[in-house]
Amino acid sequence: MAKRQRTEGEARRSFVKLCAFFGLILAAFLFVFGGLFSGSAVGSILEIVGKLALLVAIAFPAYEYSRGMKKAWRIIFWIALAIYILGCVLGLLTGIGVINIGAK
């Protein structure tokens, strides 16, 4: 009996599922350990790494979904992705004390 070969689409979907699975696991552990070190620079760094792991976990499936949509939805995807990354960076900078947003 011949071996069944995977198509390119199946390989891409399995990569997306793998990223989502490990991104979720990594983010969960980093959020727990980041909470143990809350208020410190280490906690802020662990939190940003957890957020970036979630970004990887959701960005690939969201991109695959938006590819099949109209151009407006792809633009919305890229804007939302940029806002998420900006929020992560600003959260890291405020967490380690580089900038103080809202401080008097």
PDB file of N, CA and C in Angstrom:
ATOM      1  N   MET A   1       0.835  -1.163   0.000  1.00  0.00           N
ATOM      2  CA  MET A   1       0.000   0.000   0.000  1.00  0.00           C
ATOM      3  C   MET A   1       0.889   1.239   0.000  1.00  0.00           C
ATOM      4  N   ALA A   2       0.594   2.192  -0.826  1.00  0.00           N
ATOM      5  CA  ALA A   2       1.407   3.400  -0.963  1.00  0.00           C
ATOM      6  C   ALA A   2       1.161   4.338   0.216  1.00  0.00           C
ATOM      7  N   LYS A   3       2.248   5.051   0.571  1.00  0.00           N
ATOM      8  CA  LYS A   3       2.106   6.045   1.630  1.00  0.00           C
ATOM      9  C   LYS A   3       1.345   7.251   1.101  1.00  0.00           C
ATOM     10  N   ARG A   4       0.494   7.770   1.936  1.00  0.00           N
ATOM     11  CA  ARG A   4      -0.259   8.968   1.562  1.00  0.00           C
ATOM     12  C   ARG A   4       0.617  10.187   1.812  1.00  0.00           C
ATOM     13  N   GLN A   5       0.765  11.037   0.823  1.00  0.00           N
ATOM     14  CA  GLN A   5       1.585  12.226   0.969  1.00  0.00           C
ATOM     15  C   GLN A   5       0.727  13.394   1.413  1.00  0.00           C
ATOM     16  N   ARG A   6       1.349  14.254   2.231  1.00  0.00           N
ATOM     17  CA  ARG A   6       0.647  15.451   2.684  1.00  0.00           C
ATOM     18  C   ARG A   6       0.698  16.529   1.611  1.00  0.00           C
ATOM     19  N   THR A   7      -0.378  17.245   1.496  1.00  0.00           N
ATOM     20  CA  THR A   7      -0.394  18.374   0.571  1.00  0.00           C
ATOM     21  C   THR A   7       0.227  19.585   1.267  1.00  0.00           C
ATOM     22  N   GLU A   8       0.504  20.600   0.503  1.00  0.00           N
ATOM     23  CA  GLU A   8       1.079  21.822   1.069  1.00  0.00           C
ATOM     24  C   GLU A   8       0.113  22.480   2.043  1.00  0.00           C
ATOM     25  N   GLY A   9      -1.170  22.456   1.717  1.00  0.00           N
ATOM     26  CA  GLY A   9      -2.177  23.045   2.602  1.00  0.00           C
ATOM     27  C   GLY A   9      -2.263  22.315   3.931  1.00  0.00           C
ATOM     28  N   GLU A  10      -2.189  20.994   3.900  1.00  0.00           N
ATOM     29  CA  GLU A  10      -2.215  20.223   5.149  1.00  0.00           C
ATOM     30  C   GLU A  10      -0.994  20.518   5.994  1.00  0.00           C
ATOM     31  N   ALA A  11       0.163  20.638   5.371  1.00  0.00           N
ATOM     32  CA  ALA A  11       1.386  20.952   6.108  1.00  0.00           C
ATOM     33  C   ALA A  11       1.294  22.326   6.746  1.00  0.00           C
ATOM     34  N   ARG A  12       0.744  23.293   6.035  1.00  0.00           N
ATOM     35  CA  ARG A  12       0.610  24.648   6.575  1.00  0.00           C
ATOM     36  C   ARG A  12      -0.367  24.660   7.741  1.00  0.00           C
ATOM     37  N   ARG A  13      -1.486  23.936   7.600  1.00  0.00           N
ATOM     38  CA  ARG A  13      -2.461  23.882   8.694  1.00  0.00           C
ATOM     39  C   ARG A  13      -1.879  23.211   9.920  1.00  0.00           C
ATOM     40  N   SER A  14      -1.066  22.174   9.739  1.00  0.00           N
ATOM     41  CA  SER A  14      -0.481  21.519  10.903  1.00  0.00           C
ATOM     42  C   SER A  14       0.541  22.434  11.578  1.00  0.00           C
ATOM     43  N   PHE A  15       1.251  23.259  10.799  1.00  0.00           N
ATOM     44  CA  PHE A  15       2.182  24.222  11.389  1.00  0.00           C
ATOM     45  C   PHE A  15       1.423  25.262  12.196  1.00  0.00           C
ATOM     46  N   VAL A  16       0.299  25.724  11.679  1.00  0.00           N
ATOM     47  CA  VAL A  16      -0.531  26.702  12.384  1.00  0.00           C
ATOM     48  C   VAL A  16      -1.036  26.108  13.690  1.00  0.00           C
ATOM     49  N   LYS A  17      -1.499  24.857  13.644  1.00  0.00           N
ATOM     50  CA  LYS A  17      -1.984  24.201  14.860  1.00  0.00           C
ATOM     51  C   LYS A  17      -0.856  24.016  15.864  1.00  0.00           C
ATOM     52  N   LEU A  18       0.324  23.667  15.394  1.00  0.00           N
ATOM     53  CA  LEU A  18       1.481  23.503  16.272  1.00  0.00           C
ATOM     54  C   LEU A  18       1.839  24.822  16.946  1.00  0.00           C
ATOM     55  N   CYS A  19       1.862  25.916  16.188  1.00  0.00           N
ATOM     56  CA  CYS A  19       2.152  27.232  16.771  1.00  0.00           C
ATOM     57  C   CYS A  19       1.099  27.618  17.808  1.00  0.00           C
ATOM     58  N   ALA A  20      -0.154  27.366  17.506  1.00  0.00           N
ATOM     59  CA  ALA A  20      -1.218  27.702  18.442  1.00  0.00           C
ATOM     60  C   ALA A  20      -1.096  26.887  19.726  1.00  0.00           C
ATOM     61  N   PHE A  21      -0.806  25.608  19.602  1.00  0.00           N
ATOM     62  CA  PHE A  21      -0.707  24.737  20.767  1.00  0.00           C
ATOM     63  C   PHE A  21       0.456  25.147  21.669  1.00  0.00           C
ATOM     64  N   PHE A  22       1.650  25.264  21.096  1.00  0.00           N
ATOM     65  CA  PHE A  22       2.808  25.604  21.916  1.00  0.00           C
ATOM     66  C   PHE A  22       2.782  27.053  22.389  1.00  0.00           C
ATOM     67  N   GLY A  23       2.196  27.939  21.599  1.00  0.00           N
ATOM     68  CA  GLY A  23       2.045  29.322  22.042  1.00  0.00           C
ATOM     69  C   GLY A  23       1.157  29.427  23.260  1.00  0.00           C
ATOM     70  N   LEU A  24       0.082  28.669  23.273  1.00  0.00           N
ATOM     71  CA  LEU A  24      -0.823  28.668  24.422  1.00  0.00           C
ATOM     72  C   LEU A  24      -0.142  28.099  25.664  1.00  0.00           C
ATOM     73  N   ILE A  25       0.547  26.993  25.510  1.00  0.00           N
ATOM     74  CA  ILE A  25       1.236  26.381  26.653  1.00  0.00           C
ATOM     75  C   ILE A  25       2.322  27.307  27.198  1.00  0.00           C
ATOM     76  N   LEU A  26       3.125  27.856  26.309  1.00  0.00           N
ATOM     77  CA  LEU A  26       4.202  28.761  26.725  1.00  0.00           C
ATOM     78  C   LEU A  26       3.643  29.994  27.421  1.00  0.00           C
ATOM     79  N   ALA A  27       2.589  30.570  26.858  1.00  0.00           N
ATOM     80  CA  ALA A  27       1.985  31.752  27.456  1.00  0.00           C
ATOM     81  C   ALA A  27       1.420  31.447  28.836  1.00  0.00           C
ATOM     82  N   ALA A  28       0.796  30.302  28.999  1.00  0.00           N
ATOM     83  CA  ALA A  28       0.226  29.943  30.298  1.00  0.00           C
ATOM     84  C   ALA A  28       1.314  29.854  31.369  1.00  0.00           C
ATOM     85  N   PHE A  29       2.403  29.172  31.060  1.00  0.00           N
ATOM     86  CA  PHE A  29       3.486  29.058  32.033  1.00  0.00           C
ATOM     87  C   PHE A  29       4.144  30.399  32.314  1.00  0.00           C
ATOM     88  N   LEU A  30       4.344  31.205  31.285  1.00  0.00           N
ATOM     89  CA  LEU A  30       4.994  32.493  31.489  1.00  0.00           C
ATOM     90  C   LEU A  30       4.113  33.455  32.272  1.00  0.00           C
ATOM     91  N   PHE A  31       2.808  33.398  32.077  1.00  0.00           N
ATOM     92  CA  PHE A  31       1.918  34.251  32.857  1.00  0.00           C
ATOM     93  C   PHE A  31       1.928  33.844  34.333  1.00  0.00           C
ATOM     94  N   VAL A  32       1.994  32.538  34.601  1.00  0.00           N
ATOM     95  CA  VAL A  32       2.043  32.081  35.996  1.00  0.00           C
ATOM     96  C   VAL A  32       3.341  32.543  36.648  1.00  0.00           C
ATOM     97  N   PHE A  33       4.464  32.301  35.964  1.00  0.00           N
ATOM     98  CA  PHE A  33       5.744  32.707  36.549  1.00  0.00           C
ATOM     99  C   PHE A  33       5.903  34.214  36.566  1.00  0.00           C
ATOM    100  N   GLY A  34       5.339  34.906  35.583  1.00  0.00           N
ATOM    101  CA  GLY A  34       5.353  36.370  35.593  1.00  0.00           C
ATOM    102  C   GLY A  34       4.554  36.919  36.761  1.00  0.00           C
ATOM    103  N   GLY A  35       3.457  36.233  37.119  1.00  0.00           N
ATOM    104  CA  GLY A  35       2.666  36.647  38.273  1.00  0.00           C
ATOM    105  C   GLY A  35       3.413  36.459  39.583  1.00  0.00           C
ATOM    106  N   LEU A  36       4.254  35.438  39.643  1.00  0.00           N
ATOM    107  CA  LEU A  36       5.054  35.230  40.848  1.00  0.00           C
ATOM    108  C   LEU A  36       6.080  36.336  41.046  1.00  0.00           C
ATOM    109  N   PHE A  37       6.526  36.914  39.938  1.00  0.00           N
ATOM    110  CA  PHE A  37       7.508  37.993  40.001  1.00  0.00           C
ATOM    111  C   PHE A  37       6.877  39.348  39.701  1.00  0.00           C
ATOM    112  N   SER A  38       5.578  39.494  39.947  1.00  0.00           N
ATOM    113  CA  SER A  38       4.885  40.726  39.572  1.00  0.00           C
ATOM    114  C   SER A  38       5.485  41.931  40.296  1.00  0.00           C
ATOM    115  N   GLY A  39       5.535  43.032  39.572  1.00  0.00           N
ATOM    116  CA  GLY A  39       6.097  44.257  40.118  1.00  0.00           C
ATOM    117  C   GLY A  39       7.580  44.404  39.857  1.00  0.00           C
ATOM    118  N   SER A  40       8.208  43.391  39.306  1.00  0.00           N
ATOM    119  CA  SER A  40       9.645  43.477  39.034  1.00  0.00           C
ATOM    120  C   SER A  40       9.881  43.473  37.523  1.00  0.00           C
ATOM    121  N   ALA A  41      11.109  43.772  37.149  1.00  0.00           N
ATOM    122  CA  ALA A  41      11.455  43.767  35.726  1.00  0.00           C
ATOM    123  C   ALA A  41      11.358  42.355  35.153  1.00  0.00           C
ATOM    124  N   VAL A  42      11.718  41.348  35.942  1.00  0.00           N
ATOM    125  CA  VAL A  42      11.641  39.957  35.478  1.00  0.00           C
ATOM    126  C   VAL A  42      10.190  39.596  35.185  1.00  0.00           C
ATOM    127  N   GLY A  43       9.278  39.985  36.052  1.00  0.00           N
ATOM    128  CA  GLY A  43       7.859  39.710  35.837  1.00  0.00           C
ATOM    129  C   GLY A  43       7.331  40.382  34.588  1.00  0.00           C
ATOM    130  N   SER A  44       7.777  41.618  34.341  1.00  0.00           N
ATOM    131  CA  SER A  44       7.348  42.336  33.140  1.00  0.00           C
ATOM    132  C   SER A  44       7.872  41.667  31.881  1.00  0.00           C
ATOM    133  N   ILE A  45       9.108  41.208  31.924  1.00  0.00           N
ATOM    134  CA  ILE A  45       9.690  40.546  30.756  1.00  0.00           C
ATOM    135  C   ILE A  45       8.997  39.217  30.496  1.00  0.00           C
ATOM    136  N   LEU A  46       8.727  38.451  31.551  1.00  0.00           N
ATOM    137  CA  LEU A  46       8.009  37.181  31.369  1.00  0.00           C
ATOM    138  C   LEU A  46       6.605  37.421  30.827  1.00  0.00           C
ATOM    139  N   GLU A  47       5.983  38.488  31.277  1.00  0.00           N
ATOM    140  CA  GLU A  47       4.639  38.809  30.792  1.00  0.00           C
ATOM    141  C   GLU A  47       4.660  39.169  29.304  1.00  0.00           C
ATOM    142  N   ILE A  48       5.663  39.963  28.873  1.00  0.00           N
ATOM    143  CA  ILE A  48       5.733  40.327  27.455  1.00  0.00           C
ATOM    144  C   ILE A  48       6.027  39.107  26.592  1.00  0.00           C
ATOM    145  N   VAL A  49       6.868  38.194  27.076  1.00  0.00           N
ATOM    146  CA  VAL A  49       7.152  36.979  26.311  1.00  0.00           C
ATOM    147  C   VAL A  49       5.886  36.130  26.206  1.00  0.00           C
ATOM    148  N   GLY A  50       5.105  36.077  27.277  1.00  0.00           N
ATOM    149  CA  GLY A  50       3.830  35.357  27.229  1.00  0.00           C
ATOM    150  C   GLY A  50       2.861  35.972  26.236  1.00  0.00           C
ATOM    151  N   LYS A  51       2.812  37.305  26.204  1.00  0.00           N
ATOM    152  CA  LYS A  51       1.931  37.978  25.246  1.00  0.00           C
ATOM    153  C   LYS A  51       2.395  37.733  23.812  1.00  0.00           C
ATOM    154  N   LEU A  52       3.691  37.706  23.594  1.00  0.00           N
ATOM    155  CA  LEU A  52       4.204  37.439  22.250  1.00  0.00           C
ATOM    156  C   LEU A  52       3.953  35.988  21.846  1.00  0.00           C
ATOM    157  N   ALA A  53       3.997  35.078  22.810  1.00  0.00           N
ATOM    158  CA  ALA A  53       3.667  33.681  22.501  1.00  0.00           C
ATOM    159  C   ALA A  53       2.207  33.565  22.087  1.00  0.00           C
ATOM    160  N   LEU A  54       1.332  34.300  22.761  1.00  0.00           N
ATOM    161  CA  LEU A  54      -0.077  34.309  22.355  1.00  0.00           C
ATOM    162  C   LEU A  54      -0.241  34.959  20.988  1.00  0.00           C
ATOM    163  N   LEU A  55       0.580  35.960  20.708  1.00  0.00           N
ATOM    164  CA  LEU A  55       0.536  36.587  19.396  1.00  0.00           C
ATOM    165  C   LEU A  55       0.827  35.565  18.305  1.00  0.00           C
ATOM    166  N   VAL A  56       1.864  34.755  18.510  1.00  0.00           N
ATOM    167  CA  VAL A  56       2.190  33.723  17.527  1.00  0.00           C
ATOM    168  C   VAL A  56       1.045  32.722  17.416  1.00  0.00           C
ATOM    169  N   ALA A  57       0.450  32.406  18.557  1.00  0.00           N
ATOM    170  CA  ALA A  57      -0.625  31.411  18.569  1.00  0.00           C
ATOM    171  C   ALA A  57      -1.864  31.892  17.825  1.00  0.00           C
ATOM    172  N   ILE A  58      -2.131  33.195  17.857  1.00  0.00           N
ATOM    173  CA  ILE A  58      -3.349  33.679  17.197  1.00  0.00           C
ATOM    174  C   ILE A  58      -3.080  34.344  15.856  1.00  0.00           C
ATOM    175  N   ALA A  59      -1.866  34.809  15.617  1.00  0.00           N
ATOM    176  CA  ALA A  59      -1.589  35.547  14.385  1.00  0.00           C
ATOM    177  C   ALA A  59      -1.649  34.648  13.155  1.00  0.00           C
ATOM    178  N   PHE A  60      -1.065  33.455  13.240  1.00  0.00           N
ATOM    179  CA  PHE A  60      -1.063  32.570  12.078  1.00  0.00           C
ATOM    180  C   PHE A  60      -2.472  32.124  11.686  1.00  0.00           C
ATOM    181  N   PRO A  61      -3.293  31.653  12.634  1.00  0.00           N
ATOM    182  CA  PRO A  61      -4.666  31.290  12.231  1.00  0.00           C
ATOM    183  C   PRO A  61      -5.472  32.492  11.734  1.00  0.00           C
ATOM    184  N   ALA A  62      -5.271  33.650  12.366  1.00  0.00           N
ATOM    185  CA  ALA A  62      -6.006  34.841  11.930  1.00  0.00           C
ATOM    186  C   ALA A  62      -5.571  35.269  10.530  1.00  0.00           C
ATOM    187  N   TYR A  63      -4.292  35.144  10.250  1.00  0.00           N
ATOM    188  CA  TYR A  63      -3.804  35.485   8.917  1.00  0.00           C
ATOM    189  C   TYR A  63      -4.363  34.524   7.868  1.00  0.00           C
ATOM    190  N   GLU A  64      -4.353  33.238   8.194  1.00  0.00           N
ATOM    191  CA  GLU A  64      -4.923  32.250   7.266  1.00  0.00           C
ATOM    192  C   GLU A  64      -6.392  32.553   6.994  1.00  0.00           C
ATOM    193  N   TYR A  65      -7.116  32.950   8.028  1.00  0.00           N
ATOM    194  CA  TYR A  65      -8.531  33.273   7.874  1.00  0.00           C
ATOM    195  C   TYR A  65      -8.704  34.523   7.017  1.00  0.00           C
ATOM    196  N   SER A  66      -7.896  35.550   7.290  1.00  0.00           N
ATOM    197  CA  SER A  66      -8.066  36.816   6.575  1.00  0.00           C
ATOM    198  C   SER A  66      -7.632  36.719   5.111  1.00  0.00           C
ATOM    199  N   ARG A  67      -6.788  35.762   4.781  1.00  0.00           N
ATOM    200  CA  ARG A  67      -6.359  35.599   3.388  1.00  0.00           C
ATOM    201  C   ARG A  67      -7.519  35.281   2.468  1.00  0.00           C
ATOM    202  N   GLY A  68      -8.510  34.597   2.979  1.00  0.00           N
ATOM    203  CA  GLY A  68      -9.657  34.241   2.161  1.00  0.00           C
ATOM    204  C   GLY A  68     -10.740  35.297   2.137  1.00  0.00           C
ATOM    205  N   MET A  69     -10.535  36.375   2.855  1.00  0.00           N
ATOM    206  CA  MET A  69     -11.548  37.421   2.951  1.00  0.00           C
ATOM    207  C   MET A  69     -11.241  38.545   1.957  1.00  0.00           C
ATOM    208  N   LYS A  70     -12.081  39.557   1.964  1.00  0.00           N
ATOM    209  CA  LYS A  70     -11.861  40.715   1.102  1.00  0.00           C
ATOM    210  C   LYS A  70     -10.712  41.563   1.639  1.00  0.00           C
ATOM    211  N   LYS A  71     -10.257  42.485   0.824  1.00  0.00           N
ATOM    212  CA  LYS A  71      -9.086  43.298   1.152  1.00  0.00           C
ATOM    213  C   LYS A  71      -9.284  44.096   2.447  1.00  0.00           C
ATOM    214  N   ALA A  72     -10.466  44.578   2.694  1.00  0.00           N
ATOM    215  CA  ALA A  72     -10.725  45.364   3.910  1.00  0.00           C
ATOM    216  C   ALA A  72     -10.435  44.540   5.163  1.00  0.00           C
ATOM    217  N   TRP A  73     -10.788  43.257   5.153  1.00  0.00           N
ATOM    218  CA  TRP A  73     -10.539  42.403   6.319  1.00  0.00           C
ATOM    219  C   TRP A  73      -9.046  42.136   6.508  1.00  0.00           C
ATOM    220  N   ARG A  74      -8.307  42.039   5.411  1.00  0.00           N
ATOM    221  CA  ARG A  74      -6.850  41.869   5.534  1.00  0.00           C
ATOM    222  C   ARG A  74      -6.214  43.120   6.111  1.00  0.00           C
ATOM    223  N   ILE A  75      -6.718  44.279   5.721  1.00  0.00           N
ATOM    224  CA  ILE A  75      -6.210  45.536   6.280  1.00  0.00           C
ATOM    225  C   ILE A  75      -6.535  45.617   7.764  1.00  0.00           C
ATOM    226  N   ILE A  76      -7.743  45.232   8.136  1.00  0.00           N
ATOM    227  CA  ILE A  76      -8.123  45.229   9.555  1.00  0.00           C
ATOM    228  C   ILE A  76      -7.225  44.286  10.339  1.00  0.00           C
ATOM    229  N   PHE A  77      -6.890  43.125   9.768  1.00  0.00           N
ATOM    230  CA  PHE A  77      -5.982  42.185  10.429  1.00  0.00           C
ATOM    231  C   PHE A  77      -4.638  42.841  10.712  1.00  0.00           C
ATOM    232  N   TRP A  78      -4.044  43.485   9.713  1.00  0.00           N
ATOM    233  CA  TRP A  78      -2.715  44.087   9.891  1.00  0.00           C
ATOM    234  C   TRP A  78      -2.755  45.244  10.881  1.00  0.00           C
ATOM    235  N   ILE A  79      -3.821  46.025  10.874  1.00  0.00           N
ATOM    236  CA  ILE A  79      -3.946  47.123  11.846  1.00  0.00           C
ATOM    237  C   ILE A  79      -4.068  46.562  13.260  1.00  0.00           C
ATOM    238  N   ALA A  80      -4.901  45.545  13.429  1.00  0.00           N
ATOM    239  CA  ALA A  80      -5.067  44.937  14.755  1.00  0.00           C
ATOM    240  C   ALA A  80      -3.764  44.307  15.236  1.00  0.00           C
ATOM    241  N   LEU A  81      -3.025  43.688  14.339  1.00  0.00           N
ATOM    242  CA  LEU A  81      -1.741  43.089  14.702  1.00  0.00           C
ATOM    243  C   LEU A  81      -0.754  44.158  15.143  1.00  0.00           C
ATOM    244  N   ALA A  82      -0.705  45.272  14.423  1.00  0.00           N
ATOM    245  CA  ALA A  82       0.192  46.367  14.791  1.00  0.00           C
ATOM    246  C   ALA A  82      -0.187  46.965  16.142  1.00  0.00           C
ATOM    247  N   ILE A  83      -1.481  47.126  16.396  1.00  0.00           N
ATOM    248  CA  ILE A  83      -1.936  47.662  17.685  1.00  0.00           C
ATOM    249  C   ILE A  83      -1.577  46.713  18.816  1.00  0.00           C
ATOM    250  N   TYR A  84      -1.733  45.419  18.594  1.00  0.00           N
ATOM    251  CA  TYR A  84      -1.387  44.430  19.621  1.00  0.00           C
ATOM    252  C   TYR A  84       0.100  44.491  19.950  1.00  0.00           C
ATOM    253  N   ILE A  85       0.942  44.540  18.926  1.00  0.00           N
ATOM    254  CA  ILE A  85       2.382  44.604  19.152  1.00  0.00           C
ATOM    255  C   ILE A  85       2.760  45.899  19.856  1.00  0.00           C
ATOM    256  N   LEU A  86       2.154  47.019  19.458  1.00  0.00           N
ATOM    257  CA  LEU A  86       2.409  48.296  20.116  1.00  0.00           C
ATOM    258  C   LEU A  86       2.001  48.237  21.584  1.00  0.00           C
ATOM    259  N   GLY A  87       0.861  47.622  21.861  1.00  0.00           N
ATOM    260  CA  GLY A  87       0.424  47.470  23.249  1.00  0.00           C
ATOM    261  C   GLY A  87       1.388  46.621  24.065  1.00  0.00           C
ATOM    262  N   CYS A  88       1.929  45.569  23.459  1.00  0.00           N
ATOM    263  CA  CYS A  88       2.917  44.736  24.154  1.00  0.00           C
ATOM    264  C   CYS A  88       4.167  45.534  24.477  1.00  0.00           C
ATOM    265  N   VAL A  89       4.648  46.300  23.509  1.00  0.00           N
ATOM    266  CA  VAL A  89       5.869  47.086  23.716  1.00  0.00           C
ATOM    267  C   VAL A  89       5.641  48.158  24.772  1.00  0.00           C
ATOM    268  N   LEU A  90       4.516  48.866  24.689  1.00  0.00           N
ATOM    269  CA  LEU A  90       4.233  49.894  25.699  1.00  0.00           C
ATOM    270  C   LEU A  90       4.044  49.273  27.080  1.00  0.00           C
ATOM    271  N   GLY A  91       3.434  48.101  27.138  1.00  0.00           N
ATOM    272  CA  GLY A  91       3.286  47.412  28.420  1.00  0.00           C
ATOM    273  C   GLY A  91       4.620  47.024  29.015  1.00  0.00           C
ATOM    274  N   LEU A  92       5.547  46.593  28.178  1.00  0.00           N
ATOM    275  CA  LEU A  92       6.885  46.247  28.655  1.00  0.00           C
ATOM    276  C   LEU A  92       7.615  47.485  29.150  1.00  0.00           C
ATOM    277  N   LEU A  93       7.532  48.570  28.391  1.00  0.00           N
ATOM    278  CA  LEU A  93       8.249  49.784  28.773  1.00  0.00           C
ATOM    279  C   LEU A  93       7.711  50.377  30.071  1.00  0.00           C
ATOM    280  N   THR A  94       6.402  50.311  30.272  1.00  0.00           N
ATOM    281  CA  THR A  94       5.855  50.820  31.533  1.00  0.00           C
ATOM    282  C   THR A  94       6.137  49.845  32.675  1.00  0.00           C
ATOM    283  N   GLY A  95       6.176  48.560  32.371  1.00  0.00           N
ATOM    284  CA  GLY A  95       6.415  47.554  33.412  1.00  0.00           C
ATOM    285  C   GLY A  95       7.817  47.605  33.974  1.00  0.00           C
ATOM    286  N   ILE A  96       8.811  47.909  33.150  1.00  0.00           N
ATOM    287  CA  ILE A  96      10.188  47.970  33.654  1.00  0.00           C
ATOM    288  C   ILE A  96      10.585  49.382  34.039  1.00  0.00           C
ATOM    289  N   GLY A  97       9.645  50.328  33.920  1.00  0.00           N
ATOM    290  CA  GLY A  97       9.887  51.671  34.407  1.00  0.00           C
ATOM    291  C   GLY A  97      10.566  52.605  33.424  1.00  0.00           C
ATOM    292  N   VAL A  98      10.627  52.263  32.157  1.00  0.00           N
ATOM    293  CA  VAL A  98      11.253  53.137  31.174  1.00  0.00           C
ATOM    294  C   VAL A  98      10.386  54.354  30.934  1.00  0.00           C
ATOM    295  N   ILE A  99       9.069  54.135  30.806  1.00  0.00           N
ATOM    296  CA  ILE A  99       8.138  55.249  30.666  1.00  0.00           C
ATOM    297  C   ILE A  99       7.055  55.113  31.712  1.00  0.00           C
ATOM    298  N   ASN A 100       6.505  56.218  32.117  1.00  0.00           N
ATOM    299  CA  ASN A 100       5.422  56.213  33.102  1.00  0.00           C
ATOM    300  C   ASN A 100       4.219  56.916  32.476  1.00  0.00           C
ATOM    301  N   ILE A 101       3.290  56.129  31.966  1.00  0.00           N
ATOM    302  CA  ILE A 101       2.084  56.682  31.374  1.00  0.00           C
ATOM    303  C   ILE A 101       1.077  56.931  32.492  1.00  0.00           C
ATOM    304  N   GLY A 102       0.590  58.145  32.553  1.00  0.00           N
ATOM    305  CA  GLY A 102      -0.413  58.487  33.552  1.00  0.00           C
ATOM    306  C   GLY A 102       0.163  58.858  34.908  1.00  0.00           C
ATOM    307  N   ALA A 103       1.483  58.894  35.031  1.00  0.00           N
ATOM    308  CA  ALA A 103       2.098  59.271  36.314  1.00  0.00           C
ATOM    309  C   ALA A 103       2.098  60.779  36.445  1.00  0.00           C
ATOM    310  N   LYS A 104       1.947  61.244  37.663  1.00  0.00           N
ATOM    311  CA  LYS A 104       1.926  62.695  37.904  1.00  0.00           C
ATOM    312  C   LYS A 104       3.275  63.178  38.327  1.00  0.00           C
TER     313      LYS A 104
END
